[in-house]
């Protein structure tokens, strides 16, 4: 085997590996503020959870990957979820779902996941959740210090649980007030149209 052939073979292997990685990569980007504090305001379900099990695995290049975790809901901040435990699916890099292999059993996290409304395969049900690769939709929680770690905001990589709870409550109330104000404005606009129309009829 001559030197030129070895170089060509090495080049072929490198190009092939890069092509595979590019195929599996999620081609998404963050359009707005994608920190956890901003994401939690936009999502319908936010909770403090504890990981209780890893339930589904796959293997890639000899490495074990967690595909599904079950978590216990310790405290719910937003949402209609009534169950005590829920399942969170991970992704393979191409689906734009965050990998969940770094979620450790027994540890706590703040989560703001998406509800899985579509079946990706026969295993996923309509009652499961998943994370979005391009948002910060979970943070590690230190229950002893009552602090969260990760991209909490565009300026901060940690915060206290109390700080987050106060922020989310304030933003939730603010959004409700905005919706109520919009509803009242629409009613008033409708009444004005009716009054003007009635006056024209009388003339």
N, C-alpha and C. Protein backbone atom coordinates (compact mmCIF):
# COMPACT_ATOMS: atom_id res chain seq x y z
N UNK A 1 0.85 -1.20 0.00
CA UNK A 1 0.00 0.00 0.00
C UNK A 1 0.89 1.25 0.00
N UNK A 2 0.82 2.04 -1.06
CA UNK A 2 1.70 3.20 -1.15
C UNK A 2 1.18 4.36 -0.31
N UNK A 3 2.03 5.38 -0.16
CA UNK A 3 1.72 6.51 0.71
C UNK A 3 0.53 7.33 0.20
N UNK A 4 0.44 7.53 -1.11
CA UNK A 4 -0.67 8.30 -1.69
C UNK A 4 -2.02 7.64 -1.43
N UNK A 5 -2.05 6.31 -1.54
CA UNK A 5 -3.30 5.59 -1.30
C UNK A 5 -3.73 5.74 0.16
N UNK A 6 -2.76 5.67 1.09
CA UNK A 6 -3.07 5.82 2.51
C UNK A 6 -3.63 7.21 2.80
N UNK A 7 -3.05 8.22 2.16
CA UNK A 7 -3.55 9.58 2.35
C UNK A 7 -4.97 9.73 1.83
N UNK A 8 -5.24 9.13 0.67
CA UNK A 8 -6.58 9.21 0.09
C UNK A 8 -7.59 8.48 0.96
N UNK A 9 -7.18 7.33 1.49
CA UNK A 9 -8.07 6.56 2.36
C UNK A 9 -8.38 7.34 3.63
N UNK A 10 -7.36 7.96 4.22
CA UNK A 10 -7.55 8.76 5.43
C UNK A 10 -8.47 9.94 5.16
N UNK A 11 -8.29 10.59 4.01
CA UNK A 11 -9.14 11.72 3.64
C UNK A 11 -10.58 11.28 3.46
N UNK A 12 -10.80 10.13 2.85
CA UNK A 12 -12.15 9.59 2.64
C UNK A 12 -12.84 9.32 3.97
N UNK A 13 -12.11 8.72 4.91
CA UNK A 13 -12.68 8.41 6.24
C UNK A 13 -13.06 9.69 6.96
N UNK A 14 -12.19 10.71 6.91
CA UNK A 14 -12.47 11.98 7.58
C UNK A 14 -13.70 12.67 7.00
N UNK A 15 -13.79 12.71 5.68
CA UNK A 15 -14.93 13.33 5.01
C UNK A 15 -16.22 12.60 5.34
N UNK A 16 -16.16 11.27 5.38
CA UNK A 16 -17.35 10.46 5.70
C UNK A 16 -17.83 10.75 7.11
N UNK A 17 -16.90 10.82 8.07
CA UNK A 17 -17.27 11.08 9.47
C UNK A 17 -17.89 12.47 9.61
N UNK A 18 -17.31 13.45 8.94
CA UNK A 18 -17.86 14.81 9.00
C UNK A 18 -19.24 14.88 8.38
N UNK A 19 -19.46 14.13 7.32
CA UNK A 19 -20.76 14.10 6.65
C UNK A 19 -21.82 13.51 7.56
N UNK A 20 -21.46 12.43 8.26
CA UNK A 20 -22.41 11.79 9.18
C UNK A 20 -22.78 12.74 10.29
N UNK A 21 -21.78 13.45 10.84
CA UNK A 21 -22.05 14.39 11.93
C UNK A 21 -22.95 15.53 11.46
N UNK A 22 -22.72 16.01 10.24
CA UNK A 22 -23.54 17.12 9.74
C UNK A 22 -24.97 16.69 9.49
N UNK A 23 -25.16 15.42 9.09
CA UNK A 23 -26.51 14.91 8.87
C UNK A 23 -27.27 14.84 10.18
N UNK A 24 -26.56 14.44 11.27
CA UNK A 24 -27.21 14.26 12.56
C UNK A 24 -27.39 15.58 13.30
N UNK A 25 -26.69 16.62 12.88
CA UNK A 25 -26.77 17.88 13.60
C UNK A 25 -28.12 18.54 13.41
N UNK A 26 -28.58 19.18 14.47
CA UNK A 26 -29.86 19.89 14.40
C UNK A 26 -29.62 21.28 13.85
N UNK A 27 -30.25 21.59 12.74
CA UNK A 27 -30.06 22.90 12.10
C UNK A 27 -31.11 23.88 12.59
N UNK A 28 -30.95 24.34 13.83
CA UNK A 28 -31.86 25.34 14.37
C UNK A 28 -31.04 26.44 15.03
N UNK A 29 -31.67 27.55 15.29
CA UNK A 29 -30.98 28.65 15.94
C UNK A 29 -31.96 29.41 16.81
N UNK A 30 -31.43 30.14 17.76
CA UNK A 30 -32.26 30.89 18.69
C UNK A 30 -32.62 32.24 18.10
N UNK A 31 -33.91 32.52 17.96
CA UNK A 31 -34.36 33.77 17.36
C UNK A 31 -34.42 34.91 18.38
N UNK A 32 -34.81 34.59 19.62
CA UNK A 32 -34.96 35.62 20.64
C UNK A 32 -34.10 35.28 21.85
N UNK A 33 -34.51 35.73 23.02
CA UNK A 33 -33.84 35.37 24.26
C UNK A 33 -34.20 33.93 24.59
N UNK A 34 -33.22 33.04 24.53
CA UNK A 34 -33.49 31.62 24.75
C UNK A 34 -32.94 31.12 26.08
N UNK A 35 -32.73 32.04 27.03
CA UNK A 35 -32.34 31.65 28.38
C UNK A 35 -33.52 30.98 29.07
N UNK A 36 -33.26 30.33 30.20
CA UNK A 36 -34.33 29.59 30.88
C UNK A 36 -35.43 30.53 31.38
N UNK A 37 -35.05 31.67 31.93
CA UNK A 37 -36.07 32.58 32.46
C UNK A 37 -37.03 33.03 31.36
N UNK A 38 -36.51 33.30 30.17
CA UNK A 38 -37.38 33.69 29.05
C UNK A 38 -38.18 32.52 28.52
N UNK A 39 -37.55 31.35 28.42
CA UNK A 39 -38.23 30.16 27.92
C UNK A 39 -39.37 29.75 28.84
N UNK A 40 -39.16 29.85 30.16
CA UNK A 40 -40.19 29.43 31.12
C UNK A 40 -41.45 30.28 31.01
N UNK A 41 -41.31 31.53 30.59
CA UNK A 41 -42.49 32.40 30.41
C UNK A 41 -43.28 31.96 29.19
N UNK A 42 -42.58 31.53 28.14
CA UNK A 42 -43.26 31.14 26.89
C UNK A 42 -43.90 29.76 26.97
N UNK A 43 -43.37 28.86 27.78
CA UNK A 43 -43.87 27.49 27.81
C UNK A 43 -45.12 27.36 28.69
N UNK A 44 -45.91 26.33 28.40
CA UNK A 44 -47.16 26.12 29.14
C UNK A 44 -46.96 25.30 30.41
N UNK A 45 -45.84 24.59 30.50
CA UNK A 45 -45.60 23.73 31.66
C UNK A 45 -44.20 23.99 32.21
N UNK A 46 -44.13 24.32 33.50
CA UNK A 46 -42.85 24.56 34.19
C UNK A 46 -42.91 23.88 35.55
N UNK A 47 -41.85 23.16 35.91
CA UNK A 47 -41.88 22.43 37.17
C UNK A 47 -40.48 22.18 37.71
N UNK A 48 -40.43 21.92 39.01
CA UNK A 48 -39.23 21.41 39.66
C UNK A 48 -39.40 19.90 39.76
N UNK A 49 -38.43 19.14 39.24
CA UNK A 49 -38.58 17.69 39.18
C UNK A 49 -37.34 16.98 39.73
N UNK A 50 -37.53 15.70 40.03
CA UNK A 50 -36.44 14.82 40.47
C UNK A 50 -36.39 13.62 39.54
N UNK A 51 -35.22 13.31 39.01
CA UNK A 51 -35.08 12.17 38.10
C UNK A 51 -35.13 10.87 38.90
N UNK A 52 -36.04 9.97 38.52
CA UNK A 52 -36.18 8.72 39.26
C UNK A 52 -35.74 7.49 38.47
N UNK A 53 -35.65 7.59 37.13
CA UNK A 53 -35.19 6.42 36.37
C UNK A 53 -34.80 6.80 34.95
N UNK A 54 -33.91 5.98 34.38
CA UNK A 54 -33.59 6.00 32.94
C UNK A 54 -34.29 4.79 32.34
N UNK A 55 -35.11 4.99 31.32
CA UNK A 55 -36.01 3.92 30.88
C UNK A 55 -35.76 3.37 29.48
N UNK A 56 -34.97 4.06 28.68
CA UNK A 56 -34.75 3.59 27.31
C UNK A 56 -33.35 4.01 26.88
N UNK A 57 -32.66 3.09 26.19
CA UNK A 57 -31.27 3.37 25.81
C UNK A 57 -31.05 3.05 24.33
N UNK A 58 -30.00 3.64 23.79
CA UNK A 58 -29.51 3.28 22.46
C UNK A 58 -27.99 3.31 22.52
N UNK A 59 -27.36 2.74 21.51
CA UNK A 59 -25.90 2.68 21.48
C UNK A 59 -25.39 3.30 20.19
N UNK A 60 -24.41 4.17 20.31
CA UNK A 60 -23.80 4.81 19.15
C UNK A 60 -22.28 4.78 19.31
N UNK A 61 -21.63 4.16 18.34
CA UNK A 61 -20.17 4.02 18.37
C UNK A 61 -19.70 3.40 19.68
N UNK A 62 -20.48 2.44 20.17
CA UNK A 62 -20.11 1.73 21.38
C UNK A 62 -20.45 2.44 22.67
N UNK A 63 -21.05 3.63 22.58
CA UNK A 63 -21.39 4.39 23.78
C UNK A 63 -22.89 4.30 24.05
N UNK A 64 -23.22 4.14 25.32
CA UNK A 64 -24.61 4.02 25.75
C UNK A 64 -25.23 5.41 25.89
N UNK A 65 -26.41 5.59 25.31
CA UNK A 65 -27.10 6.88 25.36
C UNK A 65 -28.49 6.69 25.95
N UNK A 66 -28.84 7.58 26.88
CA UNK A 66 -30.18 7.56 27.49
C UNK A 66 -31.15 8.27 26.55
N UNK A 67 -32.25 7.61 26.21
CA UNK A 67 -33.26 8.19 25.32
C UNK A 67 -34.51 8.67 26.05
N UNK A 68 -34.77 8.11 27.24
CA UNK A 68 -36.01 8.39 27.95
C UNK A 68 -35.76 8.39 29.45
N UNK A 69 -36.28 9.40 30.14
CA UNK A 69 -36.17 9.45 31.60
C UNK A 69 -37.55 9.67 32.20
N UNK A 70 -37.72 9.18 33.42
CA UNK A 70 -38.94 9.42 34.19
C UNK A 70 -38.59 10.34 35.35
N UNK A 71 -39.39 11.37 35.54
CA UNK A 71 -39.13 12.32 36.62
C UNK A 71 -40.36 12.46 37.51
N UNK A 72 -40.11 12.75 38.77
CA UNK A 72 -41.18 13.03 39.73
C UNK A 72 -41.36 14.54 39.84
N UNK A 73 -42.59 14.99 39.76
CA UNK A 73 -42.87 16.42 39.87
C UNK A 73 -42.88 16.80 41.36
N UNK A 74 -41.89 17.59 41.76
CA UNK A 74 -41.79 18.04 43.14
C UNK A 74 -42.66 19.28 43.37
N UNK A 75 -42.62 20.20 42.40
CA UNK A 75 -43.43 21.42 42.49
C UNK A 75 -43.77 21.89 41.09
N UNK A 76 -45.04 22.14 40.84
CA UNK A 76 -45.49 22.63 39.54
C UNK A 76 -45.72 24.14 39.62
N UNK A 77 -45.12 24.88 38.68
CA UNK A 77 -45.28 26.33 38.64
C UNK A 77 -46.31 26.77 37.61
N UNK A 78 -46.39 26.04 36.51
CA UNK A 78 -47.34 26.36 35.44
C UNK A 78 -47.82 25.07 34.82
N UNK A 79 -49.05 25.10 34.27
CA UNK A 79 -49.52 23.97 33.49
C UNK A 79 -50.70 23.24 34.10
N UNK A 80 -51.29 22.36 33.27
CA UNK A 80 -52.46 21.58 33.66
C UNK A 80 -52.11 20.15 34.04
N UNK A 81 -50.84 19.81 34.05
CA UNK A 81 -50.41 18.44 34.34
C UNK A 81 -50.84 18.02 35.74
N UNK A 82 -51.51 16.85 35.83
CA UNK A 82 -52.01 16.35 37.10
C UNK A 82 -51.23 15.15 37.63
N UNK A 83 -50.41 14.55 36.78
CA UNK A 83 -49.69 13.33 37.19
C UNK A 83 -48.54 13.66 38.14
N UNK A 84 -48.17 12.67 38.93
CA UNK A 84 -47.04 12.83 39.85
C UNK A 84 -45.72 12.59 39.14
N UNK A 85 -45.74 11.71 38.14
CA UNK A 85 -44.53 11.45 37.36
C UNK A 85 -44.82 11.63 35.87
N UNK A 86 -43.81 12.05 35.13
CA UNK A 86 -43.94 12.21 33.67
C UNK A 86 -42.67 11.67 33.01
N UNK A 87 -42.76 11.45 31.70
CA UNK A 87 -41.61 10.96 30.94
C UNK A 87 -41.10 12.04 29.99
N UNK A 88 -39.78 12.11 29.88
CA UNK A 88 -39.13 13.09 29.01
C UNK A 88 -38.23 12.36 28.02
N UNK A 89 -38.48 12.60 26.73
CA UNK A 89 -37.71 11.95 25.68
C UNK A 89 -36.54 12.82 25.25
N UNK A 90 -35.44 12.17 24.93
CA UNK A 90 -34.28 12.87 24.38
C UNK A 90 -34.24 12.71 22.88
N UNK A 91 -33.21 13.29 22.26
CA UNK A 91 -33.07 13.21 20.81
C UNK A 91 -31.74 12.62 20.40
N UNK A 92 -31.56 12.52 19.10
CA UNK A 92 -30.32 11.96 18.56
C UNK A 92 -29.45 13.03 17.91
N UNK A 93 -29.82 14.30 18.07
CA UNK A 93 -29.07 15.38 17.45
C UNK A 93 -29.73 15.91 16.20
N UNK A 94 -30.44 15.05 15.47
CA UNK A 94 -31.07 15.47 14.21
C UNK A 94 -32.51 15.93 14.42
N UNK A 95 -33.13 15.48 15.51
CA UNK A 95 -34.55 15.77 15.74
C UNK A 95 -34.77 17.11 16.43
N UNK A 96 -33.70 17.81 16.78
CA UNK A 96 -33.77 19.07 17.53
C UNK A 96 -34.31 18.86 18.93
N UNK A 97 -34.25 17.64 19.41
CA UNK A 97 -34.58 17.36 20.81
C UNK A 97 -33.29 17.23 21.60
N UNK A 98 -33.25 17.85 22.77
CA UNK A 98 -32.04 17.81 23.59
C UNK A 98 -31.75 16.39 24.06
N UNK A 99 -30.48 16.04 24.11
CA UNK A 99 -30.06 14.75 24.65
C UNK A 99 -30.25 14.76 26.16
N UNK A 100 -30.80 13.68 26.73
CA UNK A 100 -31.10 13.63 28.17
C UNK A 100 -30.13 12.74 28.94
N UNK A 101 -29.03 12.36 28.32
CA UNK A 101 -28.06 11.48 28.98
C UNK A 101 -27.42 12.13 30.20
N UNK A 102 -27.39 13.47 30.24
CA UNK A 102 -26.76 14.16 31.37
C UNK A 102 -27.68 14.33 32.57
N UNK A 103 -28.92 13.86 32.48
CA UNK A 103 -29.84 13.90 33.62
C UNK A 103 -29.53 12.72 34.54
N UNK A 104 -29.07 13.01 35.75
CA UNK A 104 -28.64 11.95 36.66
C UNK A 104 -29.76 11.57 37.62
N UNK A 105 -29.88 10.27 37.86
CA UNK A 105 -30.91 9.76 38.76
C UNK A 105 -30.68 10.32 40.17
N UNK A 106 -31.77 10.81 40.79
CA UNK A 106 -31.70 11.36 42.13
C UNK A 106 -31.47 12.86 42.19
N UNK A 107 -31.11 13.46 41.06
CA UNK A 107 -30.85 14.90 41.05
C UNK A 107 -32.09 15.68 40.62
N UNK A 108 -32.08 16.97 40.95
CA UNK A 108 -33.24 17.84 40.71
C UNK A 108 -32.97 18.83 39.59
N UNK A 109 -34.04 19.18 38.88
CA UNK A 109 -33.93 20.11 37.75
C UNK A 109 -35.18 20.97 37.66
N UNK A 110 -34.99 22.20 37.18
CA UNK A 110 -36.12 23.01 36.75
C UNK A 110 -36.32 22.71 35.27
N UNK A 111 -37.54 22.43 34.87
CA UNK A 111 -37.80 22.08 33.47
C UNK A 111 -38.94 22.92 32.90
N UNK A 112 -38.85 23.20 31.60
CA UNK A 112 -39.92 23.88 30.86
C UNK A 112 -40.02 23.21 29.50
N UNK A 113 -40.46 21.94 29.46
CA UNK A 113 -40.43 21.16 28.22
C UNK A 113 -41.64 21.41 27.32
N UNK A 114 -41.54 20.86 26.11
CA UNK A 114 -42.66 20.83 25.18
C UNK A 114 -43.48 19.57 25.40
N UNK A 115 -44.78 19.68 25.18
CA UNK A 115 -45.66 18.51 25.19
C UNK A 115 -45.53 17.81 23.84
N UNK A 116 -45.29 16.50 23.86
CA UNK A 116 -45.10 15.75 22.61
C UNK A 116 -46.46 15.44 21.99
N UNK A 117 -46.90 16.28 21.06
CA UNK A 117 -48.20 16.10 20.44
C UNK A 117 -48.16 15.18 19.23
N UNK A 118 -46.98 14.92 18.70
CA UNK A 118 -46.86 14.06 17.53
C UNK A 118 -46.02 12.83 17.86
N UNK A 119 -46.40 11.71 17.28
CA UNK A 119 -45.63 10.49 17.46
C UNK A 119 -44.40 10.51 16.55
N UNK A 120 -43.22 10.32 17.16
CA UNK A 120 -42.00 10.21 16.38
C UNK A 120 -41.69 8.75 16.04
N UNK A 121 -42.16 7.83 16.87
CA UNK A 121 -42.03 6.40 16.62
C UNK A 121 -43.07 5.69 17.47
N UNK A 122 -43.08 4.38 17.44
CA UNK A 122 -44.12 3.62 18.13
C UNK A 122 -44.04 3.74 19.65
N UNK A 123 -42.90 4.16 20.19
CA UNK A 123 -42.73 4.19 21.63
C UNK A 123 -43.27 5.47 22.27
N UNK A 124 -43.26 6.56 21.55
CA UNK A 124 -43.66 7.83 22.13
C UNK A 124 -45.18 7.95 22.16
N UNK A 125 -45.71 8.31 23.32
CA UNK A 125 -47.15 8.50 23.46
C UNK A 125 -47.46 10.00 23.47
N UNK A 126 -48.73 10.31 23.47
CA UNK A 126 -49.15 11.70 23.45
C UNK A 126 -49.04 12.36 24.83
N UNK A 127 -48.69 11.58 25.84
CA UNK A 127 -48.62 12.10 27.20
C UNK A 127 -47.20 12.40 27.64
N UNK A 128 -46.24 12.29 26.75
CA UNK A 128 -44.84 12.52 27.08
C UNK A 128 -44.42 13.95 26.76
N UNK A 129 -43.21 14.29 27.20
CA UNK A 129 -42.64 15.61 26.96
C UNK A 129 -41.26 15.48 26.33
N UNK A 130 -40.76 16.59 25.78
CA UNK A 130 -39.39 16.62 25.27
C UNK A 130 -38.84 18.03 25.36
N UNK A 131 -37.53 18.14 25.30
CA UNK A 131 -36.85 19.43 25.31
C UNK A 131 -36.49 19.85 23.89
N UNK A 132 -36.35 21.15 23.68
CA UNK A 132 -35.97 21.69 22.37
C UNK A 132 -34.50 22.08 22.40
N UNK A 133 -33.74 21.58 21.45
CA UNK A 133 -32.29 21.75 21.42
C UNK A 133 -31.85 23.22 21.44
N UNK A 134 -32.63 24.10 20.82
CA UNK A 134 -32.19 25.48 20.63
C UNK A 134 -32.60 26.42 21.76
N UNK A 135 -33.34 25.93 22.73
CA UNK A 135 -33.72 26.72 23.90
C UNK A 135 -33.05 26.17 25.14
N UNK A 136 -32.91 27.02 26.16
CA UNK A 136 -32.50 26.54 27.48
C UNK A 136 -33.79 26.24 28.23
N UNK A 137 -34.19 24.98 28.24
CA UNK A 137 -35.47 24.64 28.87
C UNK A 137 -35.31 23.71 30.07
N UNK A 138 -34.09 23.64 30.61
CA UNK A 138 -33.91 22.98 31.90
C UNK A 138 -32.65 23.52 32.57
N UNK A 139 -32.64 23.50 33.91
CA UNK A 139 -31.50 23.94 34.71
C UNK A 139 -31.26 22.95 35.83
N UNK A 140 -30.02 22.75 36.20
CA UNK A 140 -29.66 21.90 37.34
C UNK A 140 -29.99 22.65 38.62
N UNK A 141 -30.52 21.94 39.62
CA UNK A 141 -30.91 22.55 40.89
C UNK A 141 -30.14 21.92 42.04
N UNK A 142 -29.55 22.76 42.88
CA UNK A 142 -28.92 22.33 44.13
C UNK A 142 -29.94 22.55 45.24
N UNK A 143 -30.55 21.47 45.71
CA UNK A 143 -31.63 21.59 46.69
C UNK A 143 -31.13 22.04 48.06
N UNK A 144 -29.87 21.77 48.37
CA UNK A 144 -29.33 22.20 49.66
C UNK A 144 -29.17 23.72 49.70
N UNK A 145 -28.61 24.26 48.64
CA UNK A 145 -28.40 25.70 48.58
C UNK A 145 -29.59 26.45 47.99
N UNK A 146 -30.57 25.69 47.46
CA UNK A 146 -31.74 26.30 46.83
C UNK A 146 -31.34 27.24 45.68
N UNK A 147 -30.42 26.74 44.84
CA UNK A 147 -29.93 27.53 43.72
C UNK A 147 -30.03 26.73 42.42
N UNK A 148 -30.15 27.45 41.31
CA UNK A 148 -30.21 26.82 39.99
C UNK A 148 -28.97 27.24 39.20
N UNK A 149 -28.50 26.32 38.35
CA UNK A 149 -27.28 26.57 37.59
C UNK A 149 -27.50 26.29 36.10
N UNK A 150 -26.91 27.13 35.27
CA UNK A 150 -27.07 27.03 33.82
C UNK A 150 -27.36 28.41 33.27
N UNK A 151 -27.83 28.47 32.04
CA UNK A 151 -28.12 29.77 31.42
C UNK A 151 -29.47 30.28 31.93
N UNK A 152 -29.44 30.86 33.13
CA UNK A 152 -30.67 31.35 33.75
C UNK A 152 -31.23 32.55 32.98
N UNK A 153 -30.36 33.49 32.64
CA UNK A 153 -30.75 34.66 31.85
C UNK A 153 -29.60 35.02 30.92
N UNK A 154 -29.78 36.08 30.14
CA UNK A 154 -28.72 36.48 29.22
C UNK A 154 -27.50 37.01 29.97
N UNK A 155 -27.68 37.39 31.25
CA UNK A 155 -26.57 37.92 32.04
C UNK A 155 -26.11 37.00 33.16
N UNK A 156 -26.94 36.03 33.55
CA UNK A 156 -26.63 35.23 34.74
C UNK A 156 -26.63 33.74 34.44
N UNK A 157 -25.69 33.02 35.06
CA UNK A 157 -25.61 31.57 34.93
C UNK A 157 -26.00 30.85 36.21
N UNK A 158 -26.52 31.59 37.17
CA UNK A 158 -27.05 30.97 38.38
C UNK A 158 -28.02 31.94 39.04
N UNK A 159 -28.92 31.38 39.86
CA UNK A 159 -29.90 32.20 40.58
C UNK A 159 -30.46 31.35 41.71
N UNK A 160 -31.14 31.99 42.64
CA UNK A 160 -31.80 31.24 43.70
C UNK A 160 -33.18 30.78 43.22
N UNK A 161 -33.67 29.72 43.83
CA UNK A 161 -35.01 29.24 43.49
C UNK A 161 -36.06 30.32 43.77
N UNK A 162 -35.87 31.03 44.89
CA UNK A 162 -36.81 32.09 45.25
C UNK A 162 -36.84 33.18 44.19
N UNK A 163 -35.66 33.53 43.66
CA UNK A 163 -35.58 34.55 42.61
C UNK A 163 -36.35 34.11 41.37
N UNK A 164 -36.16 32.84 40.98
CA UNK A 164 -36.88 32.34 39.80
C UNK A 164 -38.38 32.32 40.04
N UNK A 165 -38.81 31.82 41.20
CA UNK A 165 -40.23 31.73 41.49
C UNK A 165 -40.89 33.11 41.48
N UNK A 166 -40.22 34.10 42.04
CA UNK A 166 -40.76 35.46 42.05
C UNK A 166 -40.85 36.02 40.64
N UNK A 167 -39.81 35.76 39.84
CA UNK A 167 -39.79 36.25 38.46
C UNK A 167 -40.92 35.63 37.64
N UNK A 168 -41.08 34.32 37.73
CA UNK A 168 -42.11 33.64 36.94
C UNK A 168 -43.51 34.08 37.36
N UNK A 169 -43.73 34.25 38.66
CA UNK A 169 -45.03 34.71 39.14
C UNK A 169 -45.33 36.10 38.61
N UNK A 170 -44.35 36.99 38.66
CA UNK A 170 -44.54 38.36 38.18
C UNK A 170 -44.85 38.38 36.69
N UNK A 171 -44.10 37.60 35.90
CA UNK A 171 -44.31 37.57 34.46
C UNK A 171 -45.65 36.92 34.10
N UNK A 172 -46.05 35.90 34.86
CA UNK A 172 -47.33 35.23 34.60
C UNK A 172 -48.49 36.18 34.87
N UNK A 173 -48.42 36.92 35.98
CA UNK A 173 -49.46 37.89 36.31
C UNK A 173 -49.49 39.00 35.26
N UNK A 174 -48.32 39.44 34.82
CA UNK A 174 -48.23 40.50 33.81
C UNK A 174 -48.90 40.07 32.50
N UNK A 175 -48.67 38.81 32.09
CA UNK A 175 -49.28 38.32 30.85
C UNK A 175 -50.80 38.22 30.99
N UNK A 176 -51.27 37.81 32.18
CA UNK A 176 -52.71 37.72 32.41
C UNK A 176 -53.35 39.11 32.34
N UNK A 177 -52.68 40.10 32.93
CA UNK A 177 -53.19 41.47 32.90
C UNK A 177 -53.25 41.98 31.46
N UNK A 178 -52.22 41.66 30.68
CA UNK A 178 -52.20 42.08 29.28
C UNK A 178 -53.35 41.46 28.49
N UNK A 179 -53.62 40.17 28.76
CA UNK A 179 -54.74 39.51 28.07
C UNK A 179 -56.07 40.11 28.47
N UNK A 180 -56.23 40.41 29.77
CA UNK A 180 -57.47 41.02 30.24
C UNK A 180 -57.65 42.41 29.63
N UNK A 181 -56.55 43.18 29.59
CA UNK A 181 -56.61 44.53 29.01
C UNK A 181 -56.98 44.47 27.53
N UNK A 182 -56.42 43.49 26.82
CA UNK A 182 -56.75 43.33 25.40
C UNK A 182 -58.22 42.95 25.22
N UNK A 183 -58.72 42.06 26.09
CA UNK A 183 -60.11 41.64 26.03
C UNK A 183 -61.05 42.83 26.27
N UNK A 184 -60.72 43.65 27.27
CA UNK A 184 -61.54 44.82 27.58
C UNK A 184 -61.50 45.82 26.42
N UNK A 185 -60.31 45.99 25.83
CA UNK A 185 -60.17 46.92 24.70
C UNK A 185 -61.02 46.46 23.51
N UNK A 186 -61.06 45.15 23.26
CA UNK A 186 -61.87 44.62 22.17
C UNK A 186 -63.36 44.83 22.43
N UNK A 187 -63.77 44.63 23.69
CA UNK A 187 -65.18 44.85 24.04
C UNK A 187 -65.56 46.31 23.85
N UNK A 188 -64.69 47.21 24.33
CA UNK A 188 -64.97 48.65 24.19
C UNK A 188 -65.03 49.06 22.72
N UNK A 189 -64.10 48.51 21.93
CA UNK A 189 -64.11 48.82 20.49
C UNK A 189 -65.40 48.33 19.84
N UNK A 190 -65.86 47.15 20.25
CA UNK A 190 -67.11 46.62 19.72
C UNK A 190 -68.30 47.48 20.11
N UNK A 191 -68.31 47.95 21.38
CA UNK A 191 -69.40 48.81 21.84
C UNK A 191 -69.42 50.13 21.08
N UNK A 192 -68.24 50.69 20.84
CA UNK A 192 -68.16 51.96 20.10
C UNK A 192 -68.71 51.79 18.69
N UNK A 193 -68.36 50.69 18.05
CA UNK A 193 -68.87 50.41 16.70
C UNK A 193 -70.39 50.29 16.71
N UNK A 194 -70.92 49.60 17.73
CA UNK A 194 -72.37 49.43 17.84
C UNK A 194 -73.07 50.77 18.05
N UNK A 195 -72.49 51.61 18.94
CA UNK A 195 -73.10 52.92 19.22
C UNK A 195 -73.10 53.80 17.97
N UNK A 196 -71.96 53.83 17.27
CA UNK A 196 -71.88 54.63 16.05
C UNK A 196 -72.85 54.13 14.98
N UNK A 197 -72.96 52.80 14.89
CA UNK A 197 -73.90 52.23 13.93
C UNK A 197 -75.33 52.56 14.29
N UNK A 198 -75.65 52.53 15.58
CA UNK A 198 -77.01 52.86 16.04
C UNK A 198 -77.35 54.32 15.75
N UNK A 199 -76.35 55.21 15.95
CA UNK A 199 -76.58 56.63 15.68
C UNK A 199 -76.86 56.88 14.20
N UNK A 200 -76.15 56.19 13.34
CA UNK A 200 -76.36 56.34 11.90
C UNK A 200 -77.75 55.87 11.50
N UNK A 201 -78.20 54.77 12.13
CA UNK A 201 -79.53 54.25 11.83
C UNK A 201 -80.61 55.25 12.25
N UNK A 202 -80.44 55.89 13.40
CA UNK A 202 -81.42 56.85 13.89
C UNK A 202 -81.50 58.09 13.01
N UNK A 203 -80.33 58.46 12.41
CA UNK A 203 -80.34 59.61 11.51
C UNK A 203 -81.10 59.29 10.23
